């Protein structure tokens, strides 16, 4: 079973194909180049020119290095941690030396030593590796799982309270359906109590969502209509638990229930390239109340996405005069193995 332990933020050797890692490397190296230009410039007026000159040297090294590290990612993960880090440092130094010698052969380098270029490249790379190592400690599996447990603990009371209310509304008027609803409720409780650090299959998450909507349909009757659109996609894809159900709950309680006429909750799940798109849309009644009611669940899901996927997942909200839509975009493939230590 895939869990939070297998995700890039929890490993000291970075996932070089992760967008968040790439962005941090690019920003980090460019900040170092800007500081170096500030030190070398005779005054602030000449800082920009020095930075442009340094960037012209640094950017090719940076892009080539990231490209090679992305290609070698799986091999580096299989190495012991310190050996993998040493290989990254050696690669950075080797690329710096090769680029320096190439520039010298073309007459583009103004003297200097190749060892100086190698030392600068290795030093900058070492600083980044230290940063990623410290970051992996901050996002250690134990701390990440504790944070996920705390976030799920915020979701569960709303989920269980609203589900119980749905059953209580049936006890006197429709006792037979109330009994059926209690059976469904036990399954929902079991799903809600899963380990928050473990991923679930997309099929399980869809089944949980359908079961929850069936429970709400007993309470709301014809006022609640549901439109599922599931594209051609593998239902075995692993996703974080309780991604879909909180959005369905908000759609019912803030979009359907306040309206005397009810409405339709529209759920769309499809794959585009290497991304999984999940969207939940519903009509709105009272825009301010709806936005306030969704704030907790949306913030909770966004924070859990960051713990699992860093910057590779996102949550988007689109609102209109008569609709409210939440879209979750997840990467379809994650790494399966943990680097050796």
Protein backbone atom coordinates (compact mmCIF):
# COMPACT_ATOMS: atom_id res chain seq x y z
CA UNK A 1 0.00 0.00 0.00
CA UNK A 2 1.38 3.43 -0.94
CA UNK A 3 1.63 5.90 1.93
CA UNK A 4 2.99 9.32 2.85
CA UNK A 5 6.35 7.61 3.47
CA UNK A 6 6.83 7.23 -0.29
CA UNK A 7 6.41 10.89 -1.20
CA UNK A 8 9.21 13.29 -2.17
CA UNK A 9 8.96 15.71 0.76
CA UNK A 10 9.79 12.90 3.19
CA UNK A 11 13.07 11.88 1.50
CA UNK A 12 16.42 13.69 1.88
CA UNK A 13 17.48 12.99 -1.71
CA UNK A 14 15.10 15.11 -3.81
CA UNK A 15 12.76 13.92 -6.52
CA UNK A 16 14.37 15.83 -9.36
CA UNK A 17 11.27 15.40 -11.56
CA UNK A 18 9.05 17.07 -9.00
CA UNK A 19 7.95 20.57 -10.02
CA UNK A 20 8.35 21.89 -6.48
CA UNK A 21 11.93 20.60 -6.29
CA UNK A 22 12.82 22.12 -9.67
CA UNK A 23 11.33 25.47 -8.69
CA UNK A 24 13.24 25.53 -5.39
CA UNK A 25 16.51 24.67 -7.14
CA UNK A 26 16.01 27.37 -9.75
CA UNK A 27 15.12 30.00 -7.17
CA UNK A 28 17.90 28.96 -4.79
CA UNK A 29 20.69 29.08 -7.37
CA UNK A 30 19.46 32.37 -8.81
CA UNK A 31 19.32 33.92 -5.33
CA UNK A 32 22.94 32.81 -4.77
CA UNK A 33 23.90 34.31 -8.15
CA UNK A 34 22.16 37.59 -7.25
CA UNK A 35 24.03 37.75 -3.91
CA UNK A 36 27.35 37.00 -5.65
CA UNK A 37 26.66 39.78 -8.16
CA UNK A 38 25.86 42.17 -5.31
CA UNK A 39 29.21 41.39 -3.66
CA UNK A 40 31.19 41.78 -6.89
CA UNK A 41 29.47 44.93 -8.15
CA UNK A 42 31.27 48.21 -7.33
CA UNK A 43 27.92 49.85 -6.61
CA UNK A 44 24.20 49.12 -6.77
CA UNK A 45 23.97 50.60 -10.26
CA UNK A 46 26.28 47.91 -11.63
CA UNK A 47 24.54 45.05 -9.79
CA UNK A 48 22.09 44.24 -12.58
CA UNK A 49 24.84 43.96 -15.19
CA UNK A 50 26.89 41.63 -13.02
CA UNK A 51 23.86 39.49 -12.31
CA UNK A 52 23.06 39.13 -16.02
CA UNK A 53 26.65 38.05 -16.69
CA UNK A 54 26.53 35.48 -13.91
CA UNK A 55 23.09 34.24 -14.99
CA UNK A 56 24.41 33.64 -18.51
CA UNK A 57 26.96 31.26 -17.00
CA UNK A 58 24.77 29.71 -14.31
CA UNK A 59 21.58 28.99 -16.27
CA UNK A 60 23.08 26.50 -18.79
CA UNK A 61 24.81 24.67 -15.91
CA UNK A 62 21.55 24.62 -13.95
CA UNK A 63 19.34 23.40 -16.81
CA UNK A 64 21.77 20.70 -17.95
CA UNK A 65 22.21 19.54 -14.36
CA UNK A 66 18.48 19.32 -13.68
CA UNK A 67 17.95 17.45 -16.94
CA UNK A 68 20.60 14.84 -16.13
CA UNK A 69 19.42 14.46 -12.54
CA UNK A 70 15.89 13.87 -13.80
CA UNK A 71 17.12 11.13 -16.11
CA UNK A 72 19.22 9.55 -13.35
CA UNK A 73 16.56 9.88 -10.65
CA UNK A 74 15.69 6.20 -10.30
CA UNK A 75 19.36 5.17 -10.23
CA UNK A 76 20.18 7.74 -7.54
CA UNK A 77 17.26 6.57 -5.40
CA UNK A 78 18.63 3.02 -5.38
CA UNK A 79 21.98 4.17 -3.99
CA UNK A 80 22.70 4.67 -0.29
CA UNK A 81 21.88 8.24 0.71
CA UNK A 82 25.45 9.55 1.14
CA UNK A 83 26.63 7.90 -2.06
CA UNK A 84 23.67 9.39 -3.92
CA UNK A 85 24.48 12.85 -2.57
CA UNK A 86 28.14 12.40 -3.54
CA UNK A 87 27.10 11.49 -7.07
CA UNK A 88 24.98 14.65 -7.29
CA UNK A 89 27.96 16.77 -6.17
CA UNK A 90 30.26 15.01 -8.64
CA UNK A 91 27.79 15.56 -11.46
CA UNK A 92 27.52 19.28 -10.68
CA UNK A 93 31.30 19.63 -10.56
CA UNK A 94 31.76 17.67 -13.78
CA UNK A 95 29.24 19.76 -15.70
CA UNK A 96 30.83 22.99 -14.40
CA UNK A 97 34.29 21.84 -15.51
CA UNK A 98 33.04 20.73 -18.94
CA UNK A 99 31.23 24.02 -19.56
CA UNK A 100 34.26 26.04 -18.42
CA UNK A 101 36.61 24.15 -20.73
CA UNK A 102 34.13 24.50 -23.61
CA UNK A 103 33.84 28.24 -23.04
CA UNK A 104 37.62 28.53 -22.86
CA UNK A 105 38.02 26.70 -26.17
CA UNK A 106 35.68 29.21 -27.80
CA UNK A 107 37.48 32.16 -26.25
CA UNK A 108 34.46 33.12 -24.15
CA UNK A 109 36.10 32.66 -20.73
CA UNK A 110 38.36 35.43 -19.42
CA UNK A 111 41.02 33.21 -17.90
CA UNK A 112 40.55 31.79 -14.44
CA UNK A 113 40.72 28.21 -13.30
CA UNK A 114 38.39 25.32 -13.98
CA UNK A 115 38.81 24.30 -10.34
CA UNK A 116 37.27 27.60 -9.25
CA UNK A 117 34.17 26.90 -11.35
CA UNK A 118 34.00 23.36 -9.98
CA UNK A 119 34.32 24.56 -6.38
CA UNK A 120 31.55 27.13 -6.82
CA UNK A 121 29.21 24.61 -8.45
CA UNK A 122 29.86 21.96 -5.80
CA UNK A 123 29.42 24.47 -2.96
CA UNK A 124 26.08 25.72 -4.31
CA UNK A 125 24.90 22.14 -4.85
CA UNK A 126 25.96 21.17 -1.33
CA UNK A 127 23.94 24.05 0.12
CA UNK A 128 20.87 22.85 -1.78
CA UNK A 129 21.36 19.25 -0.63
CA UNK A 130 21.63 20.44 2.98
CA UNK A 131 18.40 22.41 2.51
CA UNK A 132 16.56 19.38 1.09
CA UNK A 133 17.94 17.17 3.85
CA UNK A 134 16.66 19.60 6.52
CA UNK A 135 13.35 19.87 4.71
CA UNK A 136 12.97 16.10 4.63
CA UNK A 137 13.49 16.06 8.41
CA UNK A 138 10.81 18.72 8.84
CA UNK A 139 8.49 16.61 6.68
CA UNK A 140 9.56 13.29 8.17
CA UNK A 141 7.01 10.46 7.81
CA UNK A 142 6.16 10.59 11.52
CA UNK A 143 5.52 14.34 11.51
CA UNK A 144 3.65 14.19 8.20
CA UNK A 145 1.43 11.37 9.40
CA UNK A 146 0.73 13.28 12.63
CA UNK A 147 -0.20 16.35 10.62
CA UNK A 148 -2.45 14.29 8.34
CA UNK A 149 -4.12 12.72 11.38
CA UNK A 150 -4.80 16.19 12.78
CA UNK A 151 -6.26 17.36 9.47
CA UNK A 152 -8.46 14.28 9.16
CA UNK A 153 -9.60 14.78 12.74
CA UNK A 154 -10.99 18.16 11.65
CA UNK A 155 -12.91 16.59 8.77
CA UNK A 156 -14.37 13.62 10.68
CA UNK A 157 -16.64 15.47 13.16
CA UNK A 158 -18.41 17.31 10.31
CA UNK A 159 -18.68 14.11 8.31
CA UNK A 160 -20.01 11.96 11.17
CA UNK A 161 -22.34 14.64 12.58
CA UNK A 162 -23.96 15.34 9.22
CA UNK A 163 -24.30 11.63 8.47
CA UNK A 164 -25.99 11.02 11.83
CA UNK A 165 -28.37 13.90 11.17
CA UNK A 166 -29.35 12.29 7.89
CA UNK A 167 -30.23 9.05 9.70
CA UNK A 168 -32.04 10.77 12.59
CA UNK A 169 -34.32 12.56 10.16
CA UNK A 170 -35.59 9.16 8.94
CA UNK A 171 -36.14 7.30 12.22
CA UNK A 172 -39.69 8.43 12.95
CA UNK A 173 -41.03 8.89 9.44
CA UNK A 174 -39.34 5.95 7.66
CA UNK A 175 -37.92 3.45 10.17
CA UNK A 176 -37.19 0.78 7.55
CA UNK A 177 -35.07 3.19 5.52
CA UNK A 178 -33.45 4.43 8.72
CA UNK A 179 -32.27 0.90 9.41
CA UNK A 180 -30.79 0.64 5.92
CA UNK A 181 -29.18 4.03 6.39
CA UNK A 182 -27.55 2.88 9.64
CA UNK A 183 -25.96 -0.03 7.80
CA UNK A 184 -24.56 2.37 5.22
CA UNK A 185 -23.46 4.68 8.01
CA UNK A 186 -21.34 1.95 9.60
CA UNK A 187 -19.48 1.53 6.30
CA UNK A 188 -18.96 5.28 6.07
CA UNK A 189 -17.60 5.40 9.63
CA UNK A 190 -15.19 2.59 8.82
CA UNK A 191 -13.90 4.47 5.78
CA UNK A 192 -13.54 7.68 7.77
CA UNK A 193 -11.38 5.91 10.36
CA UNK A 194 -8.79 4.71 7.85
CA UNK A 195 -5.13 5.49 8.41
CA UNK A 196 -4.75 9.03 7.00
CA UNK A 197 -1.20 8.27 5.86
CA UNK A 198 -2.30 5.49 3.50
CA UNK A 199 -3.57 6.14 0.01
CA UNK A 200 -6.79 4.57 -1.23
CA UNK A 201 -7.81 3.54 -4.73
CA UNK A 202 -9.89 5.89 -6.84
CA UNK A 203 -12.56 3.17 -6.95
CA UNK A 204 -12.81 3.16 -3.13
CA UNK A 205 -13.10 6.94 -3.00
CA UNK A 206 -15.84 6.93 -5.64
CA UNK A 207 -17.69 4.16 -3.79
CA UNK A 208 -17.51 6.17 -0.56
CA UNK A 209 -18.85 9.24 -2.35
CA UNK A 210 -21.74 7.32 -3.90
CA UNK A 211 -22.62 5.74 -0.56
CA UNK A 212 -22.66 9.12 1.13
CA UNK A 213 -24.89 10.63 -1.58
CA UNK A 214 -27.28 7.68 -1.30
CA UNK A 215 -27.56 8.40 2.41
CA UNK A 216 -28.32 12.05 1.71
CA UNK A 217 -30.82 11.05 -0.96
CA UNK A 218 -32.86 9.22 1.70
CA UNK A 219 -33.13 12.50 3.56
CA UNK A 220 -33.60 14.95 0.69
CA UNK A 221 -35.46 12.73 -1.78
CA UNK A 222 -36.08 14.23 -5.22
CA UNK A 223 -34.51 17.52 -4.20
CA UNK A 224 -31.09 15.92 -4.64
CA UNK A 225 -30.04 14.88 -8.13
CA UNK A 226 -26.57 13.56 -8.93
CA UNK A 227 -24.75 13.51 -12.27
CA UNK A 228 -21.63 11.33 -12.39
CA UNK A 229 -19.26 11.60 -15.36
CA UNK A 230 -16.29 9.23 -15.10
CA UNK A 231 -14.01 9.12 -18.11
CA UNK A 232 -11.89 6.19 -19.30
CA UNK A 233 -9.46 5.95 -16.41
CA UNK A 234 -7.89 3.27 -14.23
CA UNK A 235 -9.87 3.02 -11.01
CA UNK A 236 -6.82 1.52 -9.28
CA UNK A 237 -5.02 4.88 -9.20
CA UNK A 238 -3.98 5.71 -5.61
CA UNK A 239 -5.22 9.01 -4.17
CA UNK A 240 -5.34 10.48 -0.64
CA UNK A 241 -8.42 9.46 1.38
CA UNK A 242 -11.39 11.77 1.93
CA UNK A 243 -10.71 13.96 -1.09
CA UNK A 244 -14.12 13.61 -2.70
CA UNK A 245 -16.54 13.13 0.22
CA UNK A 246 -15.96 16.52 1.94
CA UNK A 247 -16.61 18.29 -1.36
CA UNK A 248 -19.82 16.30 -1.87
CA UNK A 249 -20.88 17.10 1.69
CA UNK A 250 -20.35 20.82 1.10
CA UNK A 251 -22.18 20.65 -2.21
CA UNK A 252 -25.23 19.10 -0.49
CA UNK A 253 -25.31 21.24 2.63
CA UNK A 254 -24.46 24.59 1.06
CA UNK A 255 -25.84 24.14 -2.45
CA UNK A 256 -28.80 21.74 -2.40
CA UNK A 257 -30.29 21.86 1.10
CA UNK A 258 -30.87 25.66 1.29
CA UNK A 259 -32.85 25.60 -1.97
CA UNK A 260 -36.55 24.60 -1.78
CA UNK A 261 -36.29 23.25 -5.34
CA UNK A 262 -33.05 21.39 -4.70
CA UNK A 263 -30.61 20.92 -7.53
CA UNK A 264 -27.99 18.72 -9.16
CA UNK A 265 -24.54 17.89 -7.85
CA UNK A 266 -22.24 17.24 -10.82
CA UNK A 267 -19.13 15.12 -10.36
CA UNK A 268 -16.56 14.76 -13.13
CA UNK A 269 -13.50 12.50 -12.97
CA UNK A 270 -11.14 12.22 -15.92
CA UNK A 271 -7.51 11.83 -16.84
CA UNK A 272 -5.63 14.33 -18.99
CA UNK A 273 -2.13 13.17 -19.76
CA UNK A 274 -0.47 12.38 -16.43
CA UNK A 275 -3.00 14.35 -14.39
CA UNK A 276 -6.18 13.20 -12.66
CA UNK A 277 -8.94 15.81 -12.62
CA UNK A 278 -11.74 15.64 -10.05
CA UNK A 279 -14.43 18.33 -10.04
CA UNK A 280 -17.56 18.82 -7.96
CA UNK A 281 -20.08 21.48 -8.97
CA UNK A 282 -23.41 22.53 -7.48
CA UNK A 283 -25.93 25.38 -7.71
CA UNK A 284 -25.62 28.15 -5.13
CA UNK A 285 -28.14 29.79 -2.86
CA UNK A 286 -26.62 32.65 -0.91
CA UNK A 287 -23.08 33.08 -2.25
CA UNK A 288 -21.56 34.48 0.97
CA UNK A 289 -22.89 31.67 3.15
CA UNK A 290 -21.75 29.05 0.65
CA UNK A 291 -18.21 30.40 0.44
CA UNK A 292 -17.90 30.57 4.23
CA UNK A 293 -19.24 27.05 4.64
CA UNK A 294 -16.69 25.62 2.19
CA UNK A 295 -13.68 27.39 3.66
CA UNK A 296 -12.74 24.76 6.26
CA UNK A 297 -13.03 21.73 3.96
CA UNK A 298 -11.25 23.42 1.04
CA UNK A 299 -8.37 24.64 3.24
CA UNK A 300 -8.09 21.18 4.78
CA UNK A 301 -7.90 19.43 1.40
CA UNK A 302 -5.40 21.98 0.07
CA UNK A 303 -3.09 21.42 3.03
CA UNK A 304 -3.31 17.64 2.70
CA UNK A 305 -2.49 17.90 -1.02
CA UNK A 306 0.63 19.90 -0.16
CA UNK A 307 1.75 17.20 2.30
CA UNK A 308 1.27 14.45 -0.27
CA UNK A 309 2.29 16.09 -3.55
CA UNK A 310 4.15 19.32 -2.76
CA UNK A 311 3.48 21.65 -5.73
CA UNK A 312 2.45 18.94 -8.20
CA UNK A 313 -1.20 18.97 -7.09
CA UNK A 314 -3.55 21.93 -6.94
CA UNK A 315 -7.05 22.86 -5.90
CA UNK A 316 -8.98 25.41 -7.95
CA UNK A 317 -12.30 27.13 -7.25
CA UNK A 318 -14.60 28.67 -9.83
CA UNK A 319 -17.71 30.59 -8.85
CA UNK A 320 -20.51 32.16 -10.85
CA UNK A 321 -23.93 33.68 -10.31
CA UNK A 322 -25.59 30.29 -9.96
CA UNK A 323 -22.82 27.72 -9.48
CA UNK A 324 -19.84 26.80 -7.36
CA UNK A 325 -17.20 24.37 -8.59
CA UNK A 326 -14.12 22.89 -6.92
CA UNK A 327 -11.48 21.15 -9.04
CA UNK A 328 -8.67 18.97 -7.72
CA UNK A 329 -5.75 18.14 -10.01
CA UNK A 330 -3.48 15.25 -8.95
CA UNK A 331 -0.48 13.60 -10.61
CA UNK A 332 -1.35 10.08 -11.73
CA UNK A 333 1.99 8.46 -11.00
CA UNK A 334 4.02 8.49 -7.84
CA UNK A 335 7.24 6.74 -6.96
CA UNK A 336 6.95 3.41 -5.20
CA UNK A 337 10.32 2.94 -3.57
CA UNK A 338 12.19 4.55 -0.70
CA UNK A 339 15.87 5.50 -1.10
CA UNK A 340 18.35 3.52 0.95
CA UNK A 341 19.98 5.21 3.93
